[in-house]
């Protein structure tokens, strides 16, 4: 097969950084904070590259939506083996209000423009944990979808997707074109080698705007306040089951 694959990559605050709420309670502190590619998107990129190594995919295109710094994330994807990138430029002030609905519309437009056969996304981003973009994109395109994928194989022109669900594992077959969202156990992403990092600097990154794609970025949801989670109170140790029952009764739990 000769699939054209589109992969979404998001620039997020690095997973090892302790997130702090802004003083105005309208978001989190991003200035001077280390950012990296969303870990689930790294898995999506790795899976696309493996499909190309198996001669199943002929071209991989990575797309990132956001401010100019997103190009760093795209260069990481290019160094991992992606052929070219697309940066949908959204200024910082506007990007704060962008929601999965908007990103899904942008991805759907790009998938149509690029003649994509397979769109692979991370199942969610670690900054907002929405887990919505893949499903919404499939709905906009009216494509089949295989979410929470832990294994992907091509079988007789269809995708066979092993999904992680609450009750265990589920295997489905979907027609292409399709949208797949990557779960944690799909693969282990490779590290970009120095030669590939150097090659990535020469790979093309096209620049577009939401207006070019005909997508309105007006927010659908208003953020009222962002707060730290409540501090957990210290627990109490008891010597026996009887003491535990007494404590629960005193607390009015039983």
Protein backbone atom coordinates (compact mmCIF):
# COMPACT_ATOMS: atom_id res chain seq x y z
CA UNK A 1 0.00 0.00 0.00
CA UNK A 2 1.02 3.63 -0.41
CA UNK A 3 -0.73 5.57 2.31
CA UNK A 4 -0.41 9.30 2.85
CA UNK A 5 -0.27 9.83 6.61
CA UNK A 6 -0.94 13.01 8.57
CA UNK A 7 0.24 13.22 12.18
CA UNK A 8 -0.75 15.88 14.69
CA UNK A 9 1.90 17.12 17.12
CA UNK A 10 1.21 19.53 19.98
CA UNK A 11 3.69 21.64 21.93
CA UNK A 12 2.92 21.25 25.64
CA UNK A 13 4.57 22.01 28.96
CA UNK A 14 7.09 19.24 29.58
CA UNK A 15 5.75 16.34 31.64
CA UNK A 16 8.52 16.74 34.23
CA UNK A 17 7.65 20.40 34.98
CA UNK A 18 5.47 21.32 37.96
CA UNK A 19 2.61 23.37 36.53
CA UNK A 20 1.79 26.66 38.29
CA UNK A 21 -1.46 28.62 38.05
CA UNK A 22 -1.14 32.23 36.92
CA UNK A 23 -1.86 34.98 39.51
CA UNK A 24 -4.94 36.09 37.52
CA UNK A 25 -6.40 32.54 37.81
CA UNK A 26 -7.10 32.46 34.05
CA UNK A 27 -4.53 29.87 32.99
CA UNK A 28 -1.14 28.38 33.84
CA UNK A 29 2.32 29.92 33.68
CA UNK A 30 3.98 29.19 30.31
CA UNK A 31 6.68 31.90 30.08
CA UNK A 32 10.14 30.58 30.82
CA UNK A 33 8.82 27.03 31.20
CA UNK A 34 10.27 24.05 29.32
CA UNK A 35 8.02 22.73 26.55
CA UNK A 36 8.22 19.55 24.49
CA UNK A 37 6.14 17.39 22.18
CA UNK A 38 3.06 15.86 23.77
CA UNK A 39 4.14 12.29 24.72
CA UNK A 40 1.10 10.66 23.06
CA UNK A 41 1.92 12.57 19.87
CA UNK A 42 5.46 11.18 19.97
CA UNK A 43 3.88 7.72 19.93
CA UNK A 44 1.72 8.74 16.96
CA UNK A 45 4.80 9.97 15.04
CA UNK A 46 6.70 6.77 15.81
CA UNK A 47 3.83 4.63 14.53
CA UNK A 48 3.66 6.63 11.29
CA UNK A 49 7.42 6.25 10.77
CA UNK A 50 7.17 2.49 11.35
CA UNK A 51 4.42 2.29 8.72
CA UNK A 52 6.74 4.00 6.27
CA UNK A 53 9.61 1.66 7.14
CA UNK A 54 7.27 -1.26 6.34
CA UNK A 55 6.50 0.35 2.93
CA UNK A 56 2.86 0.79 3.96
CA UNK A 57 3.07 4.58 4.00
CA UNK A 58 4.71 6.60 1.24
CA UNK A 59 4.68 10.06 2.88
CA UNK A 60 4.26 11.40 6.40
CA UNK A 61 3.21 14.98 7.05
CA UNK A 62 3.26 16.46 10.56
CA UNK A 63 1.06 19.40 11.54
CA UNK A 64 1.23 21.63 14.60
CA UNK A 65 -1.16 24.45 15.47
CA UNK A 66 -0.03 27.35 17.61
CA UNK A 67 2.55 30.15 17.89
CA UNK A 68 5.92 30.26 16.12
CA UNK A 69 7.60 28.11 18.78
CA UNK A 70 5.56 25.13 17.51
CA UNK A 71 8.10 24.87 14.69
CA UNK A 72 10.55 23.43 17.24
CA UNK A 73 8.07 20.61 17.87
CA UNK A 74 7.72 20.06 14.13
CA UNK A 75 11.51 19.85 13.76
CA UNK A 76 11.53 17.11 16.40
CA UNK A 77 8.96 15.17 14.36
CA UNK A 78 11.00 15.71 11.19
CA UNK A 79 14.11 14.40 12.98
CA UNK A 80 12.19 11.26 13.96
CA UNK A 81 11.47 10.50 10.29
CA UNK A 82 8.56 12.67 9.14
CA UNK A 83 8.94 13.95 5.56
CA UNK A 84 7.59 17.50 5.88
CA UNK A 85 5.69 19.74 8.24
CA UNK A 86 2.79 22.18 8.24
CA UNK A 87 2.61 24.95 10.83
CA UNK A 88 -0.82 26.51 11.34
CA UNK A 89 0.23 29.83 12.85
CA UNK A 90 -1.98 30.98 15.73
CA UNK A 91 -0.70 33.93 17.83
CA UNK A 92 -0.23 33.35 21.57
CA UNK A 93 -3.17 35.56 22.55
CA UNK A 94 -5.54 33.63 20.27
CA UNK A 95 -4.07 30.21 21.03
CA UNK A 96 -5.02 30.50 24.72
CA UNK A 97 -8.68 30.39 23.64
CA UNK A 98 -8.33 27.61 21.05
CA UNK A 99 -10.20 24.42 21.92
CA UNK A 100 -10.25 20.85 20.53
CA UNK A 101 -13.22 21.78 18.33
CA UNK A 102 -11.10 24.33 16.46
CA UNK A 103 -8.08 22.02 16.14
CA UNK A 104 -10.30 19.24 14.80
CA UNK A 105 -11.67 21.54 12.10
CA UNK A 106 -8.14 22.62 11.11
CA UNK A 107 -6.97 19.00 10.93
CA UNK A 108 -10.01 17.99 8.88
CA UNK A 109 -9.37 20.77 6.36
CA UNK A 110 -5.70 19.83 6.06
CA UNK A 111 -6.52 16.13 5.65
CA UNK A 112 -8.80 17.00 2.75
CA UNK A 113 -6.31 19.38 1.13
CA UNK A 114 -3.43 16.91 1.43
CA UNK A 115 -5.39 13.86 0.22
CA UNK A 116 -4.65 11.97 3.43
CA UNK A 117 -5.50 8.28 3.87
CA UNK A 118 -4.67 7.95 7.55
CA UNK A 119 -4.63 10.54 10.34
CA UNK A 120 -2.80 9.52 13.51
CA UNK A 121 -3.08 11.59 16.69
CA UNK A 122 -2.19 11.11 20.32
CA UNK A 123 -5.26 10.04 22.29
CA UNK A 124 -5.01 13.22 24.39
CA UNK A 125 -2.69 16.07 25.28
CA UNK A 126 -1.17 16.09 28.75
CA UNK A 127 -1.91 19.79 29.29
CA UNK A 128 -5.72 19.73 29.00
CA UNK A 129 -6.42 15.95 28.94
CA UNK A 130 -9.44 16.59 26.73
CA UNK A 131 -9.32 13.40 24.64
CA UNK A 132 -11.63 15.00 22.06
CA UNK A 133 -9.66 16.06 18.98
CA UNK A 134 -9.41 12.67 17.26
CA UNK A 135 -13.09 11.86 17.66
CA UNK A 136 -14.20 15.33 16.51
CA UNK A 137 -11.90 15.22 13.48
CA UNK A 138 -13.34 11.87 12.40
CA UNK A 139 -16.83 13.34 12.75
CA UNK A 140 -15.98 16.40 10.62
CA UNK A 141 -14.51 14.16 7.91
CA UNK A 142 -17.13 11.39 8.28
CA UNK A 143 -14.24 8.90 8.49
CA UNK A 144 -13.95 5.70 10.47
CA UNK A 145 -12.06 5.97 13.76
CA UNK A 146 -10.01 3.66 15.96
CA UNK A 147 -9.33 5.31 19.30
CA UNK A 148 -7.01 4.27 22.17
CA UNK A 149 -4.97 2.08 19.82
CA UNK A 150 -2.36 -0.23 21.34
CA UNK A 151 -1.66 -2.06 18.05
CA UNK A 152 -2.25 -1.18 14.40
CA UNK A 153 -1.96 -3.59 11.47
CA UNK A 154 -3.06 -3.34 7.85
CA UNK A 155 -5.20 -6.29 6.83
CA UNK A 156 -6.59 -6.61 3.29
CA UNK A 157 -6.79 -2.85 2.72
CA UNK A 158 -8.33 -2.18 6.12
CA UNK A 159 -6.89 -1.15 9.46
CA UNK A 160 -7.03 -3.68 12.26
CA UNK A 161 -6.90 -1.76 15.53
CA UNK A 162 -6.44 -3.26 18.97
CA UNK A 163 -8.12 -0.84 21.38
CA UNK A 164 -7.64 -0.40 25.11
CA UNK A 165 -11.07 -0.18 26.73
CA UNK A 166 -12.30 -0.25 30.33
CA UNK A 167 -13.09 -3.97 30.21
CA UNK A 168 -9.78 -5.03 28.60
CA UNK A 169 -8.93 -5.10 24.88
CA UNK A 170 -11.17 -4.75 21.83
CA UNK A 171 -10.20 -5.53 18.22
CA UNK A 172 -11.93 -3.65 15.39
CA UNK A 173 -11.47 -3.35 11.63
CA UNK A 174 -12.01 0.03 9.99
CA UNK A 175 -12.10 1.17 6.39
CA UNK A 176 -9.74 3.86 5.18
CA UNK A 177 -9.50 6.81 5.18
CA UNK A 178 -9.52 6.68 8.95
CA UNK A 179 -8.52 8.49 12.14
CA UNK A 180 -6.50 6.61 14.79
CA UNK A 181 -5.58 7.87 18.25
CA UNK A 182 -2.49 6.41 19.91
CA UNK A 183 -2.50 4.98 23.42
CA UNK A 184 0.52 4.58 25.68
CA UNK A 185 1.31 0.96 24.78
CA UNK A 186 1.20 1.35 20.99
CA UNK A 187 5.01 1.64 20.80
CA UNK A 188 8.09 3.19 22.36
CA UNK A 189 9.20 6.31 20.44
CA UNK A 190 12.75 6.44 19.14
CA UNK A 191 15.28 9.11 20.00
CA UNK A 192 16.26 11.38 17.13
CA UNK A 193 19.90 10.84 16.15
CA UNK A 194 22.25 13.77 15.54
CA UNK A 195 22.46 13.15 11.75
CA UNK A 196 18.66 13.10 11.53
CA UNK A 197 18.41 16.28 13.62
CA UNK A 198 20.73 17.97 11.11
CA UNK A 199 18.72 16.62 8.15
CA UNK A 200 15.50 17.87 9.75
CA UNK A 201 16.73 21.45 9.51
CA UNK A 202 16.54 21.19 5.71
CA UNK A 203 13.10 19.58 5.52
CA UNK A 204 10.28 21.92 4.48
CA UNK A 205 7.71 23.40 6.84
CA UNK A 206 4.78 25.11 5.15
CA UNK A 207 3.08 27.95 7.00
CA UNK A 208 -0.68 28.45 7.02
CA UNK A 209 -3.25 30.33 9.08
CA UNK A 210 -6.70 29.41 10.29
CA UNK A 211 -8.09 31.97 7.84
CA UNK A 212 -6.32 30.19 4.96
CA UNK A 213 -8.22 27.05 5.94
CA UNK A 214 -11.52 28.87 6.46
CA UNK A 215 -11.74 28.06 10.17
CA UNK A 216 -13.20 30.52 12.68
CA UNK A 217 -11.32 30.43 15.99
CA UNK A 218 -14.00 32.19 18.04
CA UNK A 219 -14.13 30.36 21.41
CA UNK A 220 -17.10 28.12 22.19
CA UNK A 221 -16.29 27.88 25.90
CA UNK A 222 -15.51 30.68 28.38
CA UNK A 223 -12.95 29.95 31.09
CA UNK A 224 -14.16 31.45 34.36
CA UNK A 225 -11.28 30.45 36.62
CA UNK A 226 -8.30 28.08 36.88
CA UNK A 227 -7.37 26.90 40.37
CA UNK A 228 -4.90 24.55 42.01
CA UNK A 229 -6.41 21.28 43.27
CA UNK A 230 -7.26 21.36 46.98
CA UNK A 231 -4.49 20.27 49.32
CA UNK A 232 -5.14 16.77 50.60
CA UNK A 233 -5.54 16.56 54.35
CA UNK A 234 -3.27 14.26 56.32
CA UNK A 235 -4.66 10.82 57.14
CA UNK A 236 -4.80 9.03 60.47
CA UNK A 237 -3.38 5.64 61.39
CA UNK A 238 -5.45 3.24 63.47
CA UNK A 239 -4.37 0.16 65.37
CA UNK A 240 -7.32 -2.11 64.62
CA UNK A 241 -10.51 -2.59 62.61
CA UNK A 242 -12.52 -1.60 65.70
CA UNK A 243 -10.68 1.73 65.87
CA UNK A 244 -11.33 2.27 62.18
CA UNK A 245 -15.07 1.64 62.60
CA UNK A 246 -15.16 4.02 65.56
CA UNK A 247 -13.41 6.75 63.58
CA UNK A 248 -15.81 6.31 60.66
CA UNK A 249 -18.81 6.49 62.98
CA UNK A 250 -17.45 9.63 64.66
CA UNK A 251 -17.01 11.20 61.20
CA UNK A 252 -20.61 10.33 60.32
CA UNK A 253 -19.53 8.16 57.36
CA UNK A 254 -21.29 5.06 58.70
